[in-house]
C-alpha atoms as a PDB file:
ATOM      1  CA  MET A   1      29.487  99.491 100.836  1.00  0.00           C
ATOM      2  CA  GLY A   2      33.318  99.786 100.919  1.00  0.00           C
ATOM      3  CA  VAL A   3      35.510 102.624 100.089  1.00  0.00           C
ATOM      4  CA  LEU A   4      36.985 102.502  96.684  1.00  0.00           C
ATOM      5  CA  VAL A   5      40.445 103.581  95.822  1.00  0.00           C
ATOM      6  CA  ALA A   6      41.623 103.550  92.585  1.00  0.00           C
ATOM      7  CA  PHE A   7      45.128 103.967  91.701  1.00  0.00           C
ATOM      8  CA  SER A   8      46.104 105.603  88.258  1.00  0.00           C
ATOM      9  CA  GLY A   9      49.025 106.813  86.338  1.00  0.00           C
ATOM     10  CA  LYS A  10      51.030 106.061  83.300  1.00  0.00           C
ATOM     11  CA  GLY A  11      53.598 102.636  83.026  1.00  0.00           C
ATOM     12  CA  GLY A  12      56.527 103.155  85.370  1.00  0.00           C
ATOM     13  CA  SER A  13      55.241 105.835  87.624  1.00  0.00           C
ATOM     14  CA  GLY A  14      55.163 103.453  90.698  1.00  0.00           C
ATOM     15  CA  LYS A  15      51.330 102.941  90.960  1.00  0.00           C
ATOM     16  CA  THR A  16      51.230  99.463  91.823  1.00  0.00           C
ATOM     17  CA  THR A  17      54.040 100.151  94.456  1.00  0.00           C
ATOM     18  CA  LEU A  18      51.807 102.691  96.013  1.00  0.00           C
ATOM     19  CA  ALA A  19      48.627 100.778  95.671  1.00  0.00           C
ATOM     20  CA  ALA A  20      50.683  97.768  97.498  1.00  0.00           C
ATOM     21  CA  MET A  21      52.054 100.112 100.563  1.00  0.00           C
ATOM     22  CA  VAL A  22      48.883 102.085 101.072  1.00  0.00           C
ATOM     23  CA  LEU A  23      46.868  98.361 101.343  1.00  0.00           C
ATOM     24  CA  ARG A  24      49.547  97.223 103.784  1.00  0.00           C
ATOM     25  CA  GLN A  25      49.074 100.677 105.767  1.00  0.00           C
ATOM     26  CA  LEU A  26      45.532  99.983 105.954  1.00  0.00           C
ATOM     27  CA  VAL A  27      45.653  96.532 107.145  1.00  0.00           C
ATOM     28  CA  ARG A  28      48.433  97.377 110.074  1.00  0.00           C
ATOM     29  CA  ALA A  29      45.921  99.871 111.106  1.00  0.00           C
ATOM     30  CA  GLY A  30      43.034  97.595 111.430  1.00  0.00           C
ATOM     31  CA  VAL A  31      41.096  98.260 108.283  1.00  0.00           C
ATOM     32  CA  LYS A  32      40.422  94.472 107.132  1.00  0.00           C
ATOM     33  CA  PRO A  33      39.928  92.409 105.281  1.00  0.00           C
ATOM     34  CA  ILE A  34      40.756  94.600 102.271  1.00  0.00           C
ATOM     35  CA  LEU A  35      39.637  93.565  98.701  1.00  0.00           C
ATOM     36  CA  ALA A  36      42.810  94.151  96.283  1.00  0.00           C
ATOM     37  CA  VAL A  37      42.030  94.336  92.669  1.00  0.00           C
ATOM     38  CA  ASP A  38      44.708  93.851  89.974  1.00  0.00           C
ATOM     39  CA  ALA A  39      42.677  95.640  87.206  1.00  0.00           C
ATOM     40  CA  ASP A  40      45.909  95.847  85.043  1.00  0.00           C
ATOM     41  CA  PRO A  41      46.434  93.411  82.043  1.00  0.00           C
ATOM     42  CA  ASN A  42      49.957  93.503  82.922  1.00  0.00           C
ATOM     43  CA  SER A  43      48.900  91.757  86.221  1.00  0.00           C
ATOM     44  CA  THR A  44      52.016  92.467  88.801  1.00  0.00           C
ATOM     45  CA  LEU A  45      50.068  93.589  91.896  1.00  0.00           C
ATOM     46  CA  GLY A  46      50.018  89.660  93.415  1.00  0.00           C
ATOM     47  CA  LEU A  47      53.926  89.834  92.625  1.00  0.00           C
ATOM     48  CA  THR A  48      54.445  92.869  94.395  1.00  0.00           C
ATOM     49  CA  LEU A  49      52.651  91.897  97.631  1.00  0.00           C
ATOM     50  CA  GLY A  50      54.124  88.387  97.422  1.00  0.00           C
ATOM     51  CA  VAL A  51      50.874  86.704  96.745  1.00  0.00           C
ATOM     52  CA  PRO A  52      50.632  83.624  94.212  1.00  0.00           C
ATOM     53  CA  VAL A  53      47.756  84.356  91.646  1.00  0.00           C
ATOM     54  CA  GLU A  54      46.228  81.005  90.806  1.00  0.00           C
ATOM     55  CA  GLY A  55      43.329  82.202  88.562  1.00  0.00           C
ATOM     56  CA  THR A  56      41.989  85.231  86.981  1.00  0.00           C
ATOM     57  CA  ILE A  57      38.700  86.788  85.715  1.00  0.00           C
ATOM     58  CA  SER A  58      40.005  86.024  81.924  1.00  0.00           C
ATOM     59  CA  ASP A  59      40.117  82.441  82.685  1.00  0.00           C
ATOM     60  CA  LEU A  60      36.570  82.559  83.930  1.00  0.00           C
ATOM     61  CA  ARG A  61      35.737  83.897  80.558  1.00  0.00           C
ATOM     62  CA  ASP A  62      37.076  81.003  78.781  1.00  0.00           C
ATOM     63  CA  ARG A  63      35.486  78.551  81.376  1.00  0.00           C
ATOM     64  CA  MET A  64      32.211  80.251  80.628  1.00  0.00           C
ATOM     65  CA  GLY A  65      32.784  79.964  76.901  1.00  0.00           C
ATOM     66  CA  GLN A  66      32.819  76.165  77.537  1.00  0.00           C
ATOM     67  CA  ALA A  67      30.296  75.834  79.713  1.00  0.00           C
ATOM     68  CA  ALA A  68      28.008  77.233  76.964  1.00  0.00           C
ATOM     69  CA  LYS A  69      28.280  74.705  75.059  1.00  0.00           C
ATOM     70  CA  ALA A  70      27.625  72.042  77.225  1.00  0.00           C
ATOM     71  CA  VAL A  71      24.506  70.949  78.787  1.00  0.00           C
ATOM     72  CA  SER A  72      24.400  71.568  82.707  1.00  0.00           C
ATOM     73  CA  GLU A  73      21.805  71.579  85.206  1.00  0.00           C
ATOM     74  CA  ILE A  74      23.621  74.110  87.038  1.00  0.00           C
ATOM     75  CA  PRO A  75      22.591  77.589  86.126  1.00  0.00           C
ATOM     76  CA  LYS A  76      25.314  79.885  84.268  1.00  0.00           C
ATOM     77  CA  GLU A  77      24.797  82.745  86.964  1.00  0.00           C
ATOM     78  CA  ARG A  78      25.238  80.058  89.953  1.00  0.00           C
ATOM     79  CA  LEU A  79      28.473  78.636  87.988  1.00  0.00           C
ATOM     80  CA  MET A  80      30.299  81.987  87.798  1.00  0.00           C
ATOM     81  CA  ASN A  81      29.584  82.906  91.252  1.00  0.00           C
ATOM     82  CA  GLN A  82      31.233  79.240  92.367  1.00  0.00           C
ATOM     83  CA  TRP A  83      34.213  80.100  89.847  1.00  0.00           C
ATOM     84  CA  LEU A  84      34.704  83.712  91.404  1.00  0.00           C
ATOM     85  CA  ALA A  85      35.506  82.092  94.799  1.00  0.00           C
ATOM     86  CA  GLN A  86      38.190  80.062  92.952  1.00  0.00           C
ATOM     87  CA  VAL A  87      39.930  82.694  91.889  1.00  0.00           C
ATOM     88  CA  LEU A  88      39.965  85.297  94.839  1.00  0.00           C
ATOM     89  CA  THR A  89      42.953  84.426  96.514  1.00  0.00           C
ATOM     90  CA  GLU A  90      42.872  84.880 100.259  1.00  0.00           C
ATOM     91  CA  ALA A  91      45.911  86.367 102.116  1.00  0.00           C
ATOM     92  CA  SER A  92      46.936  87.878 105.367  1.00  0.00           C
ATOM     93  CA  GLY A  93      44.482  90.841 105.957  1.00  0.00           C
ATOM     94  CA  PHE A  94      43.109  91.122 102.398  1.00  0.00           C
ATOM     95  CA  ASP A  95      41.639  89.171  99.311  1.00  0.00           C
ATOM     96  CA  LEU A  96      43.189  89.553  95.984  1.00  0.00           C
ATOM     97  CA  LEU A  97      41.340  89.473  92.686  1.00  0.00           C
ATOM     98  CA  THR A  98      43.007  89.664  89.274  1.00  0.00           C
ATOM     99  CA  MET A  99      41.664  90.382  85.862  1.00  0.00           C
ATOM    100  CA  GLY A 100      44.352  88.771  83.945  1.00  0.00           C
ATOM    101  CA  ARG A 101      44.857  89.826  80.178  1.00  0.00           C
ATOM    102  CA  PRO A 102      43.142  87.935  77.002  1.00  0.00           C
ATOM    103  CA  GLU A 103      45.279  85.278  75.016  1.00  0.00           C
ATOM    104  CA  GLY A 104      45.120  85.639  71.356  1.00  0.00           C
ATOM    105  CA  PRO A 105      42.557  87.484  69.527  1.00  0.00           C
ATOM    106  CA  GLN A 106      39.817  87.056  71.902  1.00  0.00           C
ATOM    107  CA  CYS A 107      37.576  90.470  73.031  1.00  0.00           C
ATOM    108  CA  TYR A 108      38.228  91.882  76.575  1.00  0.00           C
ATOM    109  CA  CYS A 109      35.290  93.537  76.582  1.00  0.00           C
ATOM    110  CA  TYR A 110      33.569  90.508  78.411  1.00  0.00           C
ATOM    111  CA  VAL A 111      36.563  90.232  81.236  1.00  0.00           C
ATOM    112  CA  ASN A 112      35.676  94.083  81.783  1.00  0.00           C
ATOM    113  CA  GLY A 113      31.966  93.414  82.225  1.00  0.00           C
ATOM    114  CA  LEU A 114      33.088  90.747  84.421  1.00  0.00           C
ATOM    115  CA  LEU A 115      35.257  92.861  86.656  1.00  0.00           C
ATOM    116  CA  ARG A 116      32.410  95.422  87.032  1.00  0.00           C
ATOM    117  CA  ARG A 117      29.954  93.184  87.804  1.00  0.00           C
ATOM    118  CA  TYR A 118      32.180  91.314  90.386  1.00  0.00           C
ATOM    119  CA  LEU A 119      33.163  94.913  91.967  1.00  0.00           C
ATOM    120  CA  LYS A 120      29.624  95.634  92.659  1.00  0.00           C
ATOM    121  CA  GLU A 121      28.957  92.065  94.141  1.00  0.00           C
ATOM    122  CA  LEU A 122      31.892  92.333  96.409  1.00  0.00           C
ATOM    123  CA  ARG A 123      32.439  95.694  97.317  1.00  0.00           C
ATOM    124  CA  GLY A 124      29.651  95.498 100.342  1.00  0.00           C
ATOM    125  CA  ALA A 125      31.628  92.768 101.911  1.00  0.00           C
ATOM    126  CA  TYR A 126      34.659  94.656 102.428  1.00  0.00           C
ATOM    127  CA  PRO A 127      35.437  98.168 104.393  1.00  0.00           C
ATOM    128  CA  ALA A 128      37.808  99.202 101.710  1.00  0.00           C
ATOM    129  CA  VAL A 129      38.792  98.194  98.204  1.00  0.00           C
ATOM    130  CA  VAL A 130      42.209  99.193  96.632  1.00  0.00           C
ATOM    131  CA  VAL A 131      42.185  98.764  92.722  1.00  0.00           C
ATOM    132  CA  ASP A 132      45.563  98.931  90.698  1.00  0.00           C
ATOM    133  CA  CYS A 133      44.342  99.939  87.546  1.00  0.00           C
ATOM    134  CA  GLU A 134      45.403  99.936  84.060  1.00  0.00           C
ATOM    135  CA  ALA A 135      48.350 102.144  83.025  1.00  0.00           C
ATOM    136  CA  GLY A 136      47.169 104.950  80.778  1.00  0.00           C
ATOM    137  CA  MET A 137      43.771 105.791  80.243  1.00  0.00           C
ATOM    138  CA  GLU A 138      41.835 102.916  78.948  1.00  0.00           C
ATOM    139  CA  TYR A 139      40.438 101.789  82.098  1.00  0.00           C
ATOM    140  CA  LEU A 140      38.329 105.237  82.221  1.00  0.00           C
ATOM    141  CA  SER A 141      37.388 105.215  78.491  1.00  0.00           C
ATOM    142  CA  ARG A 142      35.989 101.226  79.023  1.00  0.00           C
ATOM    143  CA  LEU A 143      34.229 102.557  82.395  1.00  0.00           C
ATOM    144  CA  THR A 144      36.173  99.589  83.958  1.00  0.00           C
ATOM    145  CA  VAL A 145      36.002 101.584  87.313  1.00  0.00           C
ATOM    146  CA  ASP A 146      33.283 103.944  87.265  1.00  0.00           C
ATOM    147  CA  ASP A 147      32.068 104.868  90.866  1.00  0.00           C
ATOM    148  CA  VAL A 148      35.178 105.752  92.788  1.00  0.00           C
ATOM    149  CA  ASP A 149      35.673 107.236  96.170  1.00  0.00           C
ATOM    150  CA  VAL A 150      39.169 108.583  96.009  1.00  0.00           C
ATOM    151  CA  LEU A 151      41.217 108.354  92.844  1.00  0.00           C
ATOM    152  CA  VAL A 152      45.027 108.559  93.239  1.00  0.00           C
ATOM    153  CA  LEU A 153      46.501 110.041  90.380  1.00  0.00           C
ATOM    154  CA  VAL A 154      50.138 108.915  90.361  1.00  0.00           C
ATOM    155  CA  ALA A 155      53.075 110.708  88.439  1.00  0.00           C
ATOM    156  CA  GLU A 156      56.732 111.321  88.535  1.00  0.00           C
ATOM    157  CA  ALA A 157      57.509 114.869  89.654  1.00  0.00           C
ATOM    158  CA  THR A 158      58.119 115.988  86.004  1.00  0.00           C
ATOM    159  CA  SER A 159      56.466 117.946  83.449  1.00  0.00           C
ATOM    160  CA  VAL A 160      55.372 114.756  81.412  1.00  0.00           C
ATOM    161  CA  GLY A 161      54.074 112.964  84.407  1.00  0.00           C
ATOM    162  CA  LEU A 162      52.213 115.869  85.197  1.00  0.00           C
ATOM    163  CA  THR A 163      50.901 116.198  81.568  1.00  0.00           C
ATOM    164  CA  THR A 164      49.431 112.499  82.129  1.00  0.00           C
ATOM    165  CA  ALA A 165      47.722 113.022  85.479  1.00  0.00           C
ATOM    166  CA  ARG A 166      46.151 116.090  84.184  1.00  0.00           C
ATOM    167  CA  ARG A 167      44.834 114.199  80.983  1.00  0.00           C
ATOM    168  CA  LEU A 168      43.359 111.612  83.281  1.00  0.00           C
ATOM    169  CA  ALA A 169      41.655 114.061  85.501  1.00  0.00           C
ATOM    170  CA  THR A 170      40.575 115.518  82.092  1.00  0.00           C
ATOM    171  CA  LEU A 171      38.931 112.606  80.723  1.00  0.00           C
ATOM    172  CA  ALA A 172      37.395 111.378  84.071  1.00  0.00           C
ATOM    173  CA  ASN A 173      35.587 114.697  83.813  1.00  0.00           C
ATOM    174  CA  ALA A 174      34.308 113.853  80.415  1.00  0.00           C
ATOM    175  CA  LEU A 175      32.726 110.188  80.880  1.00  0.00           C
ATOM    176  CA  PRO A 176      29.603 109.217  82.750  1.00  0.00           C
ATOM    177  CA  ILE A 177      31.800 108.244  86.186  1.00  0.00           C
ATOM    178  CA  ARG A 178      31.716 109.190  89.746  1.00  0.00           C
ATOM    179  CA  VAL A 179      34.782 110.095  91.673  1.00  0.00           C
ATOM    180  CA  ARG A 180      34.216 112.079  94.932  1.00  0.00           C
ATOM    181  CA  ARG A 181      37.662 112.770  95.623  1.00  0.00           C
ATOM    182  CA  ARG A 182      41.200 113.308  93.610  1.00  0.00           C
ATOM    183  CA  VAL A 183      44.922 113.014  95.365  1.00  0.00           C
ATOM    184  CA  LEU A 184      47.679 113.710  93.282  1.00  0.00           C
ATOM    185  CA  VAL A 185      50.876 111.813  94.338  1.00  0.00           C
ATOM    186  CA  LEU A 186      54.143 112.732  93.026  1.00  0.00           C
ATOM    187  CA  ASN A 187      56.506 109.659  93.118  1.00  0.00           C
ATOM    188  CA  LYS A 188      60.517 109.314  93.485  1.00  0.00           C
ATOM    189  CA  VAL A 189      60.947 112.872  94.417  1.00  0.00           C
ATOM    190  CA  GLY A 190      64.497 113.589  94.532  1.00  0.00           C
ATOM    191  CA  GLN A 191      65.530 110.110  92.202  1.00  0.00           C
ATOM    192  CA  ALA A 192      68.729 110.773  90.835  1.00  0.00           C
ATOM    193  CA  GLY A 193      68.896 111.910  87.376  1.00  0.00           C
ATOM    194  CA  LEU A 194      65.490 114.110  87.536  1.00  0.00           C
ATOM    195  CA  SER A 195      65.457 117.394  88.926  1.00  0.00           C
ATOM    196  CA  ASP A 196      65.303 118.166  92.645  1.00  0.00           C
ATOM    197  CA  GLU A 197      62.902 120.872  92.174  1.00  0.00           C
ATOM    198  CA  LEU A 198      59.490 120.130  91.329  1.00  0.00           C
ATOM    199  CA  PRO A 199      57.617 122.017  88.579  1.00  0.00           C
ATOM    200  CA  GLU A 200      55.925 125.012  89.884  1.00  0.00           C
ATOM    201  CA  ASP A 201      52.381 124.755  88.457  1.00  0.00           C
ATOM    202  CA  LEU A 202      51.051 121.700  90.335  1.00  0.00           C
ATOM    203  CA  ALA A 203      47.394 122.362  89.305  1.00  0.00           C
ATOM    204  CA  VAL A 204      45.580 119.345  88.442  1.00  0.00           C
ATOM    205  CA  ALA A 205      41.700 119.359  87.574  1.00  0.00           C
ATOM    206  CA  GLY A 206      39.565 118.407  90.940  1.00  0.00           C
ATOM    207  CA  VAL A 207      42.840 117.690  93.060  1.00  0.00           C
ATOM    208  CA  GLY A 208      42.516 119.001  96.461  1.00  0.00           C
ATOM    209  CA  ASP A 209      45.465 117.106  98.063  1.00  0.00           C
ATOM    210  CA  VAL A 210      49.084 116.514  96.797  1.00  0.00           C
ATOM    211  CA  VAL A 211      51.394 113.915  98.554  1.00  0.00           C
ATOM    212  CA  ARG A 212      54.950 114.098  97.566  1.00  0.00           C
ATOM    213  CA  VAL A 213      56.688 110.482  98.150  1.00  0.00           C
ATOM    214  CA  PRO A 214      60.581 110.852  98.066  1.00  0.00           C
ATOM    215  CA  PHE A 215      62.773 108.200  96.437  1.00  0.00           C
ATOM    216  CA  ASP A 216      63.454 104.973  98.062  1.00  0.00           C
ATOM    217  CA  GLU A 217      66.257 102.998  97.491  1.00  0.00           C
ATOM    218  CA  ASP A 218      65.090  99.833  99.205  1.00  0.00           C
ATOM    219  CA  LEU A 219      61.931 100.484  96.813  1.00  0.00           C
ATOM    220  CA  HIS A 220      63.959 100.631  94.048  1.00  0.00           C
ATOM    221  CA  ARG A 221      66.040  97.860  94.740  1.00  0.00           C
ATOM    222  CA  ARG A 222      62.784  95.497  95.525  1.00  0.00           C
ATOM    223  CA  CYS A 223      61.130  96.587  92.249  1.00  0.00           C
ATOM    224  CA  THR A 224      64.398  95.718  90.517  1.00  0.00           C
ATOM    225  CA  GLN A 225      65.175  92.188  91.942  1.00  0.00           C
ATOM    226  CA  GLY A 226      61.392  91.389  92.116  1.00  0.00           C
ATOM    227  CA  VAL A 227      61.638  91.234  95.803  1.00  0.00           C
ATOM    228  CA  PRO A 228      57.729  91.649  97.137  1.00  0.00           C
ATOM    229  CA  LEU A 229      57.081  94.276  99.490  1.00  0.00           C
ATOM    230  CA  ASP A 230      56.473  93.619 103.055  1.00  0.00           C
ATOM    231  CA  ASP A 231      55.404  95.845 106.028  1.00  0.00           C
ATOM    232  CA  GLN A 232      59.029  97.140 106.383  1.00  0.00           C
ATOM    233  CA  ALA A 233      59.572  97.972 102.635  1.00  0.00           C
ATOM    234  CA  GLY A 234      60.393 101.457 101.844  1.00  0.00           C
ATOM    235  CA  PRO A 235      61.264 103.027 105.052  1.00  0.00           C
ATOM    236  CA  ALA A 236      62.357 106.472 103.373  1.00  0.00           C
ATOM    237  CA  ALA A 237      58.615 106.636 101.930  1.00  0.00           C
ATOM    238  CA  GLN A 238      56.662 105.165 104.676  1.00  0.00           C
ATOM    239  CA  ALA A 239      55.687 108.714 106.475  1.00  0.00           C
ATOM    240  CA  ALA A 240      54.566 109.848 102.805  1.00  0.00           C
ATOM    241  CA  VAL A 241      52.644 106.635 102.133  1.00  0.00           C
ATOM    242  CA  ALA A 242      50.886 106.883 105.551  1.00  0.00           C
ATOM    243  CA  ALA A 243      49.880 110.373 104.607  1.00  0.00           C
ATOM    244  CA  LEU A 244      48.496 109.108 101.699  1.00  0.00           C
ATOM    245  CA  ALA A 245      46.736 106.509 103.133  1.00  0.00           C
ATOM    246  CA  ARG A 246      45.117 108.928 105.895  1.00  0.00           C
ATOM    247  CA  LEU A 247      43.748 110.887 102.724  1.00  0.00           C
ATOM    248  CA  CYS A 248      42.114 107.659 101.156  1.00  0.00           C
ATOM    249  CA  LEU A 249      40.751 106.624 104.501  1.00  0.00           C
ATOM    250  CA  PRO A 250      40.214 109.752 106.687  1.00  0.00           C
ATOM    251  CA  GLN A 251      37.753 108.335 108.958  1.00  0.00           C
ATOM    252  CA  ILE A 252      40.506 105.900 110.497  1.00  0.00           C
ATOM    253  CA  GLY A 253      42.109 108.649 112.233  1.00  0.00           C
ATOM    254  CA  THR A 254      45.898 109.446 112.401  1.00  0.00           C
ATOM    255  CA  GLY A 255      47.409 107.201 115.428  1.00  0.00           C
ATOM    256  CA  ALA A 256      47.661 104.243 113.516  1.00  0.00           C
ATOM    257  CA  PHE A 257      49.164 105.503 110.523  1.00  0.00           C
ATOM    258  CA  ALA A 258      51.680 107.641 112.347  1.00  0.00           C
ATOM    259  CA  LYS A 259      52.769 104.457 114.344  1.00  0.00           C
ATOM    260  CA  ASN A 260      53.132 102.533 110.921  1.00  0.00           C
ATOM    261  CA  ALA A 261      55.371 105.049 109.826  1.00  0.00           C
ATOM    262  CA  GLU A 262      57.703 105.414 112.801  1.00  0.00           C
ATOM    263  CA  ASN A 263      58.110 101.363 112.864  1.00  0.00           C
ATOM    264  CA  ALA A 264      59.232 101.471 109.099  1.00  0.00           C
ATOM    265  CA  LYS A 265      61.594 104.716 110.049  1.00  0.00           C
ATOM    266  CA  ASN A 266      63.279 102.732 113.275  1.00  0.00           C
ATOM    267  CA  VAL A 267      64.146  99.381 110.672  1.00  0.00           C
ATOM    268  CA  LYS A 268      67.349  99.235 109.023  1.00  0.00           C
ATOM    269  CA  LYS A 269      67.602  98.214 105.375  1.00  0.00           C
END
């Protein structure tokens, strides 16, 4: 079964950017194909990776509703599997599955149920699964992702950011979900307008490792202008992201990640 790495954090913390960068680190290190899952209703992982999204799981819900009213010789279970293949976007080194968002008053519970089901079915076909979770705490309370190898708690290096990370960790303790390891990422360290001094108390329930990712002008420009992240994105942050990737899949070894970070460092903006 593939190692599942879930990225969590409040909106604006940079969890989608870090999920995309770690995914590219893993692919360059030889971990492929990877299943990338955009589990955020505000779906931006495909945009961040530069991959067009032609269909989502929420689209399947609508098609399933129409199929339930029609007479068909094809079992509904087989139809769902066929449609899944249509919304699974293939890219270089990874496949992307996008949850999408509901339209109008329709219930989102069914879409969450489909995502849980597909994660369980697909997980065994990939060495790693990278999930960009919904901002905030709702994805945990809905049990959208309930069996996690590494939970990456992304927070800006502020007291407010750490408070959100602590609440997420506390909620994870209170729910019937399995989280084997937790990593705290302090993102955008040194950003203009924020204090250069990190909070003294970094303790977050269950967290054994802390990664500090420096603010990166290239990443800021790309995110502001909507430019996708390629392998050279964020040279100032690459070394920290490589360290995070090693923590997510320590069995891969350090050599490939170190080479990735060194290559990015030598690229001029």
